[in-house]
């Protein structure tokens, strides 16, 4: 499974009234619920594709260490290409999909960005939107599995 993964609002709940807890590496702690859900999704095999605005603040090795410090071992971690054209998240994902041959249609987009509701329908059906203030929860796990299994029909 390919997991397009945002960080803020998915792994790290965003609460405007409270600063996130930072770990020793200076990056926010992930929600315990989000850790459990992501662990279960990646235990089934697959690749995590970071879509976060933070994606190029760290190298792949540094990202792997950030995830590992939070209890998640990622064997296959990638990021979207550098956003030199200043695209929004929706445009970045559409561009990546258009430029890359998806070997299978077993993927899911985990994000809190409501603009992703404007994805083309064949991608929108793969979207699991989280609440920014809550992040990824157990309720999203079964939904993510169902969404990943939807056959991709390009229109």
N, C-alpha and C. Protein backbone atom coordinates (compact mmCIF):
# COMPACT_ATOMS: atom_id res chain seq x y z
N UNK A 1 0.85 -1.18 0.00
CA UNK A 1 0.00 0.00 0.00
C UNK A 1 0.89 1.24 0.00
N UNK A 2 0.50 2.22 -0.78
CA UNK A 2 1.15 3.52 -0.78
C UNK A 2 0.30 4.45 0.09
N UNK A 3 0.95 5.09 1.06
CA UNK A 3 0.25 5.99 1.98
C UNK A 3 0.79 7.39 1.79
N UNK A 4 -0.01 8.27 1.19
CA UNK A 4 0.34 9.68 1.10
C UNK A 4 0.03 10.26 2.49
N UNK A 5 1.05 10.74 3.19
CA UNK A 5 0.90 11.10 4.60
C UNK A 5 1.28 12.54 4.88
N UNK A 6 0.33 13.27 5.44
CA UNK A 6 0.58 14.60 5.98
C UNK A 6 0.97 14.42 7.45
N UNK A 7 1.61 15.41 8.02
CA UNK A 7 2.01 15.33 9.44
C UNK A 7 1.07 16.17 10.31
N UNK A 8 1.09 17.49 10.11
CA UNK A 8 0.25 18.38 10.94
C UNK A 8 -1.22 18.10 10.67
N UNK A 9 -1.96 17.84 11.73
CA UNK A 9 -3.39 17.56 11.59
C UNK A 9 -3.69 16.09 11.34
N UNK A 10 -2.65 15.29 11.13
CA UNK A 10 -2.82 13.85 10.94
C UNK A 10 -2.05 13.11 12.04
N UNK A 11 -0.74 13.25 12.03
CA UNK A 11 0.09 12.61 13.06
C UNK A 11 0.21 13.50 14.31
N UNK A 12 0.16 14.81 14.08
CA UNK A 12 0.27 15.79 15.17
C UNK A 12 -1.00 16.64 15.17
N UNK A 13 -1.90 16.42 16.14
CA UNK A 13 -3.09 17.27 16.21
C UNK A 13 -2.68 18.74 16.36
N UNK A 14 -3.41 19.62 15.70
CA UNK A 14 -3.11 21.05 15.73
C UNK A 14 -4.16 21.72 16.60
N UNK A 15 -3.71 22.23 17.73
CA UNK A 15 -4.61 22.90 18.67
C UNK A 15 -4.10 24.32 18.85
N UNK A 16 -4.85 25.29 18.33
CA UNK A 16 -4.39 26.68 18.32
C UNK A 16 -4.15 27.23 19.73
N UNK A 17 -4.79 26.68 20.71
CA UNK A 17 -4.66 27.16 22.08
C UNK A 17 -3.53 26.49 22.86
N UNK A 18 -2.85 25.53 22.22
CA UNK A 18 -1.83 24.76 22.93
C UNK A 18 -0.67 24.44 21.99
N UNK A 19 0.54 24.78 22.41
CA UNK A 19 1.72 24.45 21.61
C UNK A 19 1.95 22.94 21.67
N UNK A 20 2.37 22.34 20.57
CA UNK A 20 2.61 20.89 20.60
C UNK A 20 3.82 20.55 21.47
N UNK A 21 3.77 19.36 22.04
CA UNK A 21 4.91 18.88 22.82
C UNK A 21 6.04 18.54 21.86
N UNK A 22 7.21 19.13 22.11
CA UNK A 22 8.37 18.83 21.27
C UNK A 22 9.23 17.77 21.94
N UNK A 23 9.71 16.83 21.15
CA UNK A 23 10.63 15.82 21.67
C UNK A 23 12.05 16.35 21.57
N UNK A 24 13.03 15.57 22.03
CA UNK A 24 14.42 16.03 22.07
C UNK A 24 14.96 16.41 20.70
N UNK A 25 14.39 15.85 19.63
CA UNK A 25 14.87 16.19 18.29
C UNK A 25 14.27 17.50 17.78
N UNK A 26 13.43 18.15 18.60
CA UNK A 26 12.86 19.43 18.22
C UNK A 26 11.61 19.34 17.36
N UNK A 27 11.16 18.11 17.06
CA UNK A 27 9.97 17.92 16.25
C UNK A 27 8.83 17.51 17.18
N UNK A 28 7.59 17.90 16.86
CA UNK A 28 6.46 17.57 17.74
C UNK A 28 6.25 16.06 17.92
N UNK A 29 5.76 15.72 19.09
CA UNK A 29 5.37 14.33 19.38
C UNK A 29 4.15 13.99 18.53
N UNK A 30 4.06 12.74 18.11
CA UNK A 30 2.89 12.27 17.37
C UNK A 30 1.83 11.82 18.37
N UNK A 31 0.59 11.92 17.97
CA UNK A 31 -0.51 11.42 18.78
C UNK A 31 -0.37 9.91 18.95
N UNK A 32 -0.63 9.42 20.15
CA UNK A 32 -0.54 7.97 20.40
C UNK A 32 -1.52 7.21 19.51
N UNK A 33 -2.71 7.76 19.32
CA UNK A 33 -3.70 7.10 18.45
C UNK A 33 -3.20 7.04 17.01
N UNK A 34 -2.61 8.13 16.54
CA UNK A 34 -2.10 8.18 15.16
C UNK A 34 -0.96 7.17 14.99
N UNK A 35 -0.11 7.04 15.99
CA UNK A 35 1.00 6.08 15.92
C UNK A 35 0.46 4.67 15.75
N UNK A 36 -0.53 4.32 16.55
CA UNK A 36 -1.11 2.97 16.48
C UNK A 36 -1.71 2.69 15.10
N UNK A 37 -2.45 3.66 14.57
CA UNK A 37 -3.09 3.47 13.27
C UNK A 37 -2.04 3.34 12.17
N UNK A 38 -1.04 4.23 12.16
CA UNK A 38 -0.02 4.16 11.12
C UNK A 38 0.78 2.86 11.23
N UNK A 39 1.09 2.44 12.46
CA UNK A 39 1.80 1.16 12.64
C UNK A 39 1.01 0.01 12.01
N UNK A 40 -0.29 0.01 12.22
CA UNK A 40 -1.12 -1.07 11.66
C UNK A 40 -1.16 -0.99 10.14
N UNK A 41 -1.23 0.19 9.58
CA UNK A 41 -1.25 0.32 8.13
C UNK A 41 0.07 -0.11 7.50
N UNK A 42 1.18 0.29 8.10
CA UNK A 42 2.46 -0.07 7.49
C UNK A 42 2.85 -1.52 7.79
N UNK A 43 2.25 -2.11 8.83
CA UNK A 43 2.53 -3.53 9.12
C UNK A 43 2.05 -4.40 7.97
N UNK A 44 1.11 -3.89 7.20
CA UNK A 44 0.58 -4.63 6.05
C UNK A 44 1.47 -4.45 4.82
N UNK A 45 2.57 -3.73 4.99
CA UNK A 45 3.52 -3.52 3.91
C UNK A 45 3.20 -2.25 3.14
N UNK A 46 4.20 -1.70 2.51
CA UNK A 46 3.96 -0.54 1.68
C UNK A 46 4.93 0.58 1.89
N UNK A 47 4.61 1.69 1.26
CA UNK A 47 5.46 2.87 1.22
C UNK A 47 4.73 4.05 1.83
N UNK A 48 5.45 4.85 2.61
CA UNK A 48 4.91 6.11 3.10
C UNK A 48 5.51 7.22 2.23
N UNK A 49 4.63 8.01 1.64
CA UNK A 49 5.01 9.16 0.82
C UNK A 49 4.63 10.42 1.58
N UNK A 50 5.63 11.12 2.11
CA UNK A 50 5.35 12.33 2.88
C UNK A 50 4.87 13.44 1.95
N UNK A 51 3.74 14.04 2.33
CA UNK A 51 3.18 15.16 1.58
C UNK A 51 3.23 16.44 2.41
N UNK A 52 3.66 16.34 3.64
CA UNK A 52 3.69 17.45 4.59
C UNK A 52 4.49 18.63 4.06
N UNK A 53 4.11 19.82 4.49
CA UNK A 53 4.90 21.01 4.14
C UNK A 53 6.30 20.93 4.76
N UNK A 54 6.49 20.05 5.74
CA UNK A 54 7.80 19.86 6.38
C UNK A 54 8.68 18.88 5.60
N UNK A 55 8.17 18.28 4.54
CA UNK A 55 8.81 17.13 3.89
C UNK A 55 10.27 17.33 3.52
N UNK A 56 10.65 18.55 3.17
CA UNK A 56 12.03 18.76 2.74
C UNK A 56 12.87 19.49 3.80
N UNK A 57 12.33 19.59 5.02
CA UNK A 57 13.12 20.17 6.11
C UNK A 57 14.14 19.18 6.65
N UNK A 58 13.94 17.90 6.32
CA UNK A 58 14.81 16.84 6.82
C UNK A 58 15.10 15.87 5.68
N UNK A 59 16.23 15.18 5.79
CA UNK A 59 16.56 14.14 4.81
C UNK A 59 15.69 12.91 5.09
N UNK A 60 15.66 11.98 4.16
CA UNK A 60 14.91 10.74 4.36
C UNK A 60 15.41 10.03 5.62
N UNK A 61 16.73 9.99 5.80
CA UNK A 61 17.28 9.33 6.99
C UNK A 61 16.84 10.04 8.27
N UNK A 62 16.84 11.36 8.27
CA UNK A 62 16.39 12.11 9.45
C UNK A 62 14.91 11.85 9.70
N UNK A 63 14.10 11.80 8.63
CA UNK A 63 12.68 11.49 8.80
C UNK A 63 12.51 10.11 9.40
N UNK A 64 13.26 9.14 8.92
CA UNK A 64 13.16 7.79 9.48
C UNK A 64 13.47 7.80 10.97
N UNK A 65 14.46 8.61 11.37
CA UNK A 65 14.81 8.71 12.79
C UNK A 65 13.69 9.39 13.57
N UNK A 66 13.08 10.43 13.00
CA UNK A 66 11.96 11.11 13.66
C UNK A 66 10.83 10.11 13.91
N UNK A 67 10.48 9.33 12.89
CA UNK A 67 9.41 8.34 13.04
C UNK A 67 9.83 7.26 14.04
N UNK A 68 11.08 6.79 13.97
CA UNK A 68 11.54 5.73 14.86
C UNK A 68 11.50 6.18 16.32
N UNK A 69 11.89 7.43 16.60
CA UNK A 69 11.83 7.96 17.98
C UNK A 69 10.40 7.99 18.51
N UNK A 70 9.45 7.94 17.60
CA UNK A 70 8.04 7.97 17.97
C UNK A 70 7.39 6.60 17.86
N UNK A 71 8.24 5.57 17.67
CA UNK A 71 7.76 4.18 17.69
C UNK A 71 7.31 3.62 16.36
N UNK A 72 7.69 4.26 15.26
CA UNK A 72 7.27 3.80 13.94
C UNK A 72 8.51 3.53 13.09
N UNK A 73 8.67 2.28 12.66
CA UNK A 73 9.79 1.91 11.80
C UNK A 73 9.31 1.93 10.36
N UNK A 74 9.93 2.78 9.55
CA UNK A 74 9.56 2.90 8.15
C UNK A 74 10.70 2.34 7.28
N UNK A 75 10.42 1.29 6.57
CA UNK A 75 11.42 0.73 5.67
C UNK A 75 11.44 1.48 4.34
N UNK A 76 10.28 1.85 3.86
CA UNK A 76 10.18 2.54 2.58
C UNK A 76 9.51 3.88 2.78
N UNK A 77 10.32 4.92 2.81
CA UNK A 77 9.84 6.29 3.03
C UNK A 77 10.31 7.15 1.88
N UNK A 78 9.38 7.91 1.32
CA UNK A 78 9.69 8.82 0.23
C UNK A 78 8.99 10.15 0.49
N UNK A 79 9.34 11.15 -0.30
CA UNK A 79 8.65 12.43 -0.21
C UNK A 79 8.23 12.85 -1.62
N UNK A 80 7.20 13.68 -1.67
CA UNK A 80 6.87 14.30 -2.94
C UNK A 80 8.07 15.13 -3.38
N UNK A 81 8.14 15.43 -4.66
CA UNK A 81 9.25 16.23 -5.18
C UNK A 81 9.25 17.61 -4.52
N UNK A 82 10.43 18.27 -4.51
CA UNK A 82 10.46 19.64 -3.98
C UNK A 82 9.43 20.50 -4.69
N UNK A 83 8.78 21.35 -3.94
CA UNK A 83 7.67 22.15 -4.44
C UNK A 83 8.18 23.50 -4.97
N UNK A 84 9.01 23.43 -6.00
CA UNK A 84 9.61 24.66 -6.54
C UNK A 84 8.60 25.52 -7.28
N UNK A 85 7.47 24.94 -7.67
CA UNK A 85 6.44 25.69 -8.39
C UNK A 85 5.40 26.27 -7.42
N UNK A 86 5.60 26.06 -6.11
CA UNK A 86 4.70 26.59 -5.07
C UNK A 86 3.25 26.14 -5.27
N UNK A 87 3.10 24.86 -5.52
CA UNK A 87 1.77 24.29 -5.70
C UNK A 87 1.12 24.06 -4.35
N UNK A 88 -0.21 24.03 -4.32
CA UNK A 88 -0.87 23.65 -3.08
C UNK A 88 -0.84 22.12 -2.98
N UNK A 89 -1.26 21.59 -1.87
CA UNK A 89 -1.18 20.14 -1.64
C UNK A 89 -1.93 19.35 -2.70
N UNK A 90 -3.12 19.79 -3.04
CA UNK A 90 -3.92 19.11 -4.06
C UNK A 90 -3.14 19.04 -5.38
N UNK A 91 -2.60 20.18 -5.78
CA UNK A 91 -1.85 20.23 -7.04
C UNK A 91 -0.60 19.37 -6.98
N UNK A 92 0.07 19.34 -5.84
CA UNK A 92 1.27 18.50 -5.70
C UNK A 92 0.93 17.02 -5.88
N UNK A 93 -0.15 16.59 -5.24
CA UNK A 93 -0.52 15.17 -5.33
C UNK A 93 -0.94 14.82 -6.75
N UNK A 94 -1.76 15.65 -7.37
CA UNK A 94 -2.20 15.40 -8.74
C UNK A 94 -0.99 15.35 -9.67
N UNK A 95 -0.08 16.28 -9.50
CA UNK A 95 1.14 16.31 -10.34
C UNK A 95 1.94 15.03 -10.16
N UNK A 96 2.13 14.60 -8.91
CA UNK A 96 2.91 13.39 -8.66
C UNK A 96 2.23 12.18 -9.32
N UNK A 97 0.94 12.05 -9.14
CA UNK A 97 0.21 10.91 -9.72
C UNK A 97 0.32 10.94 -11.24
N UNK A 98 0.20 12.13 -11.84
CA UNK A 98 0.29 12.24 -13.29
C UNK A 98 1.68 11.94 -13.83
N UNK A 99 2.70 12.19 -13.01
CA UNK A 99 4.08 11.99 -13.46
C UNK A 99 4.64 10.61 -13.11
N UNK A 100 3.91 9.86 -12.29
CA UNK A 100 4.40 8.55 -11.84
C UNK A 100 3.39 7.48 -12.18
N UNK A 101 3.90 6.37 -12.58
CA UNK A 101 3.04 5.24 -12.91
C UNK A 101 2.74 4.49 -11.61
N UNK A 102 1.51 4.56 -11.16
CA UNK A 102 1.12 3.81 -9.96
C UNK A 102 1.07 2.34 -10.34
N UNK A 103 1.93 1.53 -9.74
CA UNK A 103 2.00 0.12 -10.09
C UNK A 103 0.72 -0.62 -9.74
N UNK A 104 0.08 -0.19 -8.69
CA UNK A 104 -1.26 -0.72 -8.39
C UNK A 104 -2.07 0.41 -7.75
N UNK A 105 -3.32 0.16 -7.59
CA UNK A 105 -4.18 1.23 -7.08
C UNK A 105 -4.48 1.08 -5.60
N UNK A 106 -3.62 0.36 -4.90
CA UNK A 106 -3.77 0.15 -3.47
C UNK A 106 -3.05 1.29 -2.73
N UNK A 107 -3.74 2.46 -2.66
CA UNK A 107 -3.15 3.59 -1.96
C UNK A 107 -4.23 4.39 -1.25
N UNK A 108 -3.77 5.24 -0.34
CA UNK A 108 -4.67 6.08 0.43
C UNK A 108 -3.97 7.42 0.67
N UNK A 109 -4.76 8.47 0.76
CA UNK A 109 -4.26 9.81 1.06
C UNK A 109 -4.77 10.19 2.44
N UNK A 110 -3.87 10.33 3.40
CA UNK A 110 -4.23 10.70 4.78
C UNK A 110 -3.85 12.16 4.99
N UNK A 111 -4.85 13.00 5.17
CA UNK A 111 -4.58 14.43 5.25
C UNK A 111 -5.74 15.12 5.97
N UNK A 112 -5.48 16.35 6.43
CA UNK A 112 -6.53 17.15 7.04
C UNK A 112 -6.88 18.37 6.18
N UNK A 113 -6.23 18.49 5.05
CA UNK A 113 -6.41 19.65 4.17
C UNK A 113 -7.71 19.54 3.39
N UNK A 114 -8.68 20.38 3.75
CA UNK A 114 -10.01 20.33 3.13
C UNK A 114 -9.98 20.66 1.64
N UNK A 115 -8.93 21.33 1.16
CA UNK A 115 -8.85 21.61 -0.28
C UNK A 115 -8.73 20.33 -1.10
N UNK A 116 -8.37 19.24 -0.44
CA UNK A 116 -8.27 17.96 -1.15
C UNK A 116 -9.64 17.43 -1.55
N UNK A 117 -10.70 18.01 -1.02
CA UNK A 117 -12.04 17.66 -1.50
C UNK A 117 -12.21 18.01 -2.97
N UNK A 118 -11.32 18.86 -3.49
CA UNK A 118 -11.37 19.25 -4.89
C UNK A 118 -10.47 18.40 -5.78
N UNK A 119 -9.94 17.31 -5.23
CA UNK A 119 -9.16 16.38 -6.05
C UNK A 119 -10.04 15.83 -7.16
N UNK A 120 -9.43 15.43 -8.29
CA UNK A 120 -10.22 14.71 -9.29
C UNK A 120 -10.87 13.49 -8.63
N UNK A 121 -12.04 13.13 -9.08
CA UNK A 121 -12.83 12.07 -8.43
C UNK A 121 -12.05 10.77 -8.23
N UNK A 122 -11.24 10.38 -9.22
CA UNK A 122 -10.51 9.11 -9.09
C UNK A 122 -9.49 9.15 -7.96
N UNK A 123 -9.05 10.35 -7.55
CA UNK A 123 -8.15 10.49 -6.40
C UNK A 123 -8.93 10.78 -5.12
N UNK A 124 -10.00 11.53 -5.24
CA UNK A 124 -10.79 11.88 -4.06
C UNK A 124 -11.34 10.63 -3.38
N UNK A 125 -11.65 9.59 -4.16
CA UNK A 125 -12.17 8.36 -3.56
C UNK A 125 -11.11 7.66 -2.71
N UNK A 126 -9.85 8.09 -2.81
CA UNK A 126 -8.75 7.51 -2.03
C UNK A 126 -8.40 8.36 -0.81
N UNK A 127 -9.17 9.41 -0.57
CA UNK A 127 -8.88 10.38 0.49
C UNK A 127 -9.56 10.02 1.81
N UNK A 128 -8.77 10.07 2.88
CA UNK A 128 -9.30 9.97 4.24
C UNK A 128 -8.92 11.27 4.94
N UNK A 129 -9.93 12.11 5.17
CA UNK A 129 -9.70 13.40 5.82
C UNK A 129 -9.80 13.25 7.33
N UNK A 130 -8.82 13.81 8.01
CA UNK A 130 -8.86 13.82 9.47
C UNK A 130 -9.29 15.20 9.95
N UNK A 131 -9.66 15.28 11.21
CA UNK A 131 -9.90 16.56 11.85
C UNK A 131 -8.55 17.08 12.33
N UNK A 132 -8.23 18.30 11.97
CA UNK A 132 -6.93 18.89 12.34
C UNK A 132 -6.66 18.83 13.84
N UNK A 133 -7.69 19.05 14.64
CA UNK A 133 -7.51 19.11 16.08
C UNK A 133 -7.41 17.73 16.73
N UNK A 134 -7.81 16.70 16.01
CA UNK A 134 -7.81 15.34 16.58
C UNK A 134 -6.74 14.47 15.93
N UNK A 135 -6.59 14.57 14.62
CA UNK A 135 -5.61 13.77 13.91
C UNK A 135 -6.15 12.38 13.57
N UNK A 136 -5.24 11.50 13.22
CA UNK A 136 -5.56 10.14 12.80
C UNK A 136 -6.01 9.31 14.00
N UNK A 137 -7.14 8.62 13.84
CA UNK A 137 -7.70 7.83 14.94
C UNK A 137 -8.05 6.43 14.46
N UNK A 138 -8.42 5.59 15.38
CA UNK A 138 -8.81 4.21 15.08
C UNK A 138 -9.96 4.16 14.05
N UNK A 139 -10.85 5.12 14.11
CA UNK A 139 -11.97 5.16 13.15
C UNK A 139 -11.46 5.29 11.72
N UNK A 140 -10.32 5.92 11.54
CA UNK A 140 -9.76 6.10 10.20
C UNK A 140 -9.11 4.83 9.66
N UNK A 141 -8.76 3.90 10.54
CA UNK A 141 -8.04 2.69 10.11
C UNK A 141 -8.86 1.86 9.13
N UNK A 142 -10.07 1.50 9.50
CA UNK A 142 -10.90 0.69 8.61
C UNK A 142 -11.27 1.46 7.34
N UNK A 143 -11.51 2.75 7.49
CA UNK A 143 -11.81 3.58 6.33
C UNK A 143 -10.61 3.60 5.37
N UNK A 144 -9.40 3.76 5.91
CA UNK A 144 -8.20 3.77 5.08
C UNK A 144 -8.04 2.45 4.34
N UNK A 145 -8.29 1.36 5.02
CA UNK A 145 -8.19 0.04 4.37
C UNK A 145 -9.22 -0.10 3.25
N UNK A 146 -10.45 0.34 3.50
CA UNK A 146 -11.50 0.27 2.46
C UNK A 146 -11.14 1.15 1.27
N UNK A 147 -10.73 2.37 1.55
CA UNK A 147 -10.39 3.32 0.51
C UNK A 147 -9.23 2.81 -0.34
N UNK A 148 -8.22 2.26 0.30
CA UNK A 148 -7.06 1.75 -0.44
C UNK A 148 -7.45 0.63 -1.39
N UNK A 149 -8.49 -0.11 -1.05
CA UNK A 149 -8.90 -1.25 -1.88
C UNK A 149 -9.81 -0.87 -3.04
N UNK A 150 -10.27 0.38 -3.10
CA UNK A 150 -11.14 0.81 -4.20
C UNK A 150 -10.34 0.78 -5.51
N UNK A 151 -10.84 0.09 -6.52
CA UNK A 151 -10.15 0.08 -7.81
C UNK A 151 -10.08 1.49 -8.40
N UNK A 152 -8.93 1.83 -8.89
CA UNK A 152 -8.72 3.15 -9.45
C UNK A 152 -9.25 3.20 -10.88
N UNK A 153 -10.16 4.11 -11.11
CA UNK A 153 -10.72 4.28 -12.44
C UNK A 153 -10.39 5.67 -12.91
N UNK A 154 -9.41 5.78 -13.79
CA UNK A 154 -9.01 7.06 -14.32
C UNK A 154 -10.10 7.60 -15.23
N UNK A 155 -10.43 8.87 -15.03
CA UNK A 155 -11.45 9.50 -15.88
C UNK A 155 -10.83 10.59 -16.73
